[in-house]
Amino acid sequence: VIFLLIGFIGQGLFASRFIFQWLYSEKKGESLIPVAFWYLSIFGGIGLLIYAISRKDPVIIVGQLFGIFIYLRNLILIYKNKNERN
């Protein structure tokens, strides 16, 4: 039951990133990806990864590991560029 709850929370966080990005872009009047999108992606991906491991689902495990790496890399690039500008 706990892994099912973690899976649903992870899926909720993961899905909320699209709503967050859409509302953020509407507010700014252009298509933008806010930093919070990447955090929602990471935490949602981790929740889904934990669920996939509990279910022993290699397809979801590999997909989430790959995605989490990309989300982390995007945050690294964002903060690296921000530090270079300062």
Protein backbone atom coordinates (compact mmCIF):
# COMPACT_ATOMS: atom_id res chain seq x y z
CA VAL A 1 0.00 0.00 0.00
CA ILE A 2 2.83 2.43 0.83
CA PHE A 3 4.43 1.95 -2.60
CA LEU A 4 1.08 2.51 -4.28
CA LEU A 5 0.76 5.80 -2.37
CA ILE A 6 4.32 6.80 -3.33
CA GLY A 7 3.52 5.93 -6.95
CA PHE A 8 0.39 8.08 -6.99
CA ILE A 9 2.18 11.01 -5.32
CA GLY A 10 5.03 10.69 -7.80
CA GLN A 11 2.60 10.61 -10.72
CA GLY A 12 0.77 13.63 -9.33
CA LEU A 13 3.97 15.64 -9.00
CA PHE A 14 5.12 14.53 -12.43
CA ALA A 15 1.83 15.49 -14.08
CA SER A 16 1.58 18.81 -12.19
CA ARG A 17 4.73 20.05 -13.89
CA PHE A 18 2.84 20.44 -17.18
CA ILE A 19 0.06 22.44 -15.53
CA PHE A 20 2.63 24.59 -13.72
CA GLN A 21 4.56 25.24 -16.96
CA TRP A 22 1.37 26.09 -18.85
CA LEU A 23 0.15 28.57 -16.22
CA TYR A 24 3.63 30.13 -15.94
CA SER A 25 3.83 30.58 -19.72
CA GLU A 26 0.33 32.07 -19.85
CA LYS A 27 1.28 34.57 -17.14
CA LYS A 28 4.47 35.57 -19.01
CA GLY A 29 2.79 35.58 -22.43
CA GLU A 30 5.40 33.25 -23.96
CA SER A 31 6.45 29.63 -23.73
CA LEU A 32 8.90 29.31 -20.83
CA ILE A 33 10.10 26.50 -18.57
CA PRO A 34 10.43 27.65 -14.95
CA VAL A 35 12.99 26.09 -12.59
CA ALA A 36 10.14 24.56 -10.55
CA PHE A 37 9.30 22.41 -13.61
CA TRP A 38 12.62 20.58 -13.21
CA TYR A 39 12.14 20.09 -9.46
CA LEU A 40 8.66 18.67 -10.02
CA SER A 41 10.16 16.42 -12.71
CA ILE A 42 12.88 15.15 -10.35
CA PHE A 43 10.66 14.51 -7.33
CA GLY A 44 7.87 13.03 -9.45
CA GLY A 45 10.43 10.85 -11.24
CA ILE A 46 11.89 9.67 -7.93
CA GLY A 47 8.43 8.74 -6.68
CA LEU A 48 7.72 6.82 -9.87
CA LEU A 49 11.16 5.18 -9.70
CA ILE A 50 10.49 3.96 -6.13
CA TYR A 51 7.14 2.60 -7.26
CA ALA A 52 8.69 0.91 -10.32
CA ILE A 53 11.38 -0.71 -8.17
CA SER A 54 8.71 -2.03 -5.78
CA ARG A 55 6.87 -3.49 -8.79
CA LYS A 56 10.11 -4.79 -10.32
CA ASP A 57 9.23 -3.08 -13.63
CA PRO A 58 12.46 -2.71 -15.63
CA VAL A 59 10.87 -0.57 -18.36
CA ILE A 60 9.72 2.15 -15.94
CA ILE A 61 12.93 1.87 -13.90
CA VAL A 62 15.16 2.54 -16.91
CA GLY A 63 12.87 5.30 -18.19
CA GLN A 64 12.79 7.13 -14.86
CA LEU A 65 16.54 6.79 -14.26
CA PHE A 66 17.23 8.30 -17.68
CA GLY A 67 14.70 11.10 -17.13
CA ILE A 68 15.97 11.98 -13.65
CA PHE A 69 19.50 12.29 -15.06
CA ILE A 70 18.25 14.75 -17.73
CA TYR A 71 16.26 16.81 -15.19
CA LEU A 72 19.27 17.05 -12.89
CA ARG A 73 21.49 18.04 -15.81
CA ASN A 74 19.10 20.85 -16.73
CA LEU A 75 19.24 22.22 -13.17
CA ILE A 76 23.05 22.03 -13.23
CA LEU A 77 23.12 24.01 -16.48
CA ILE A 78 20.64 26.59 -15.16
CA TYR A 79 22.63 27.23 -11.97
CA LYS A 80 25.96 27.15 -13.81
CA ASN A 81 24.78 29.83 -16.26
CA LYS A 82 23.27 31.87 -13.42
CA ASN A 83 26.59 31.80 -11.51
CA GLU A 84 28.56 32.77 -14.62
CA ARG A 85 26.36 35.84 -15.09
CA ASN A 86 26.97 37.04 -11.52
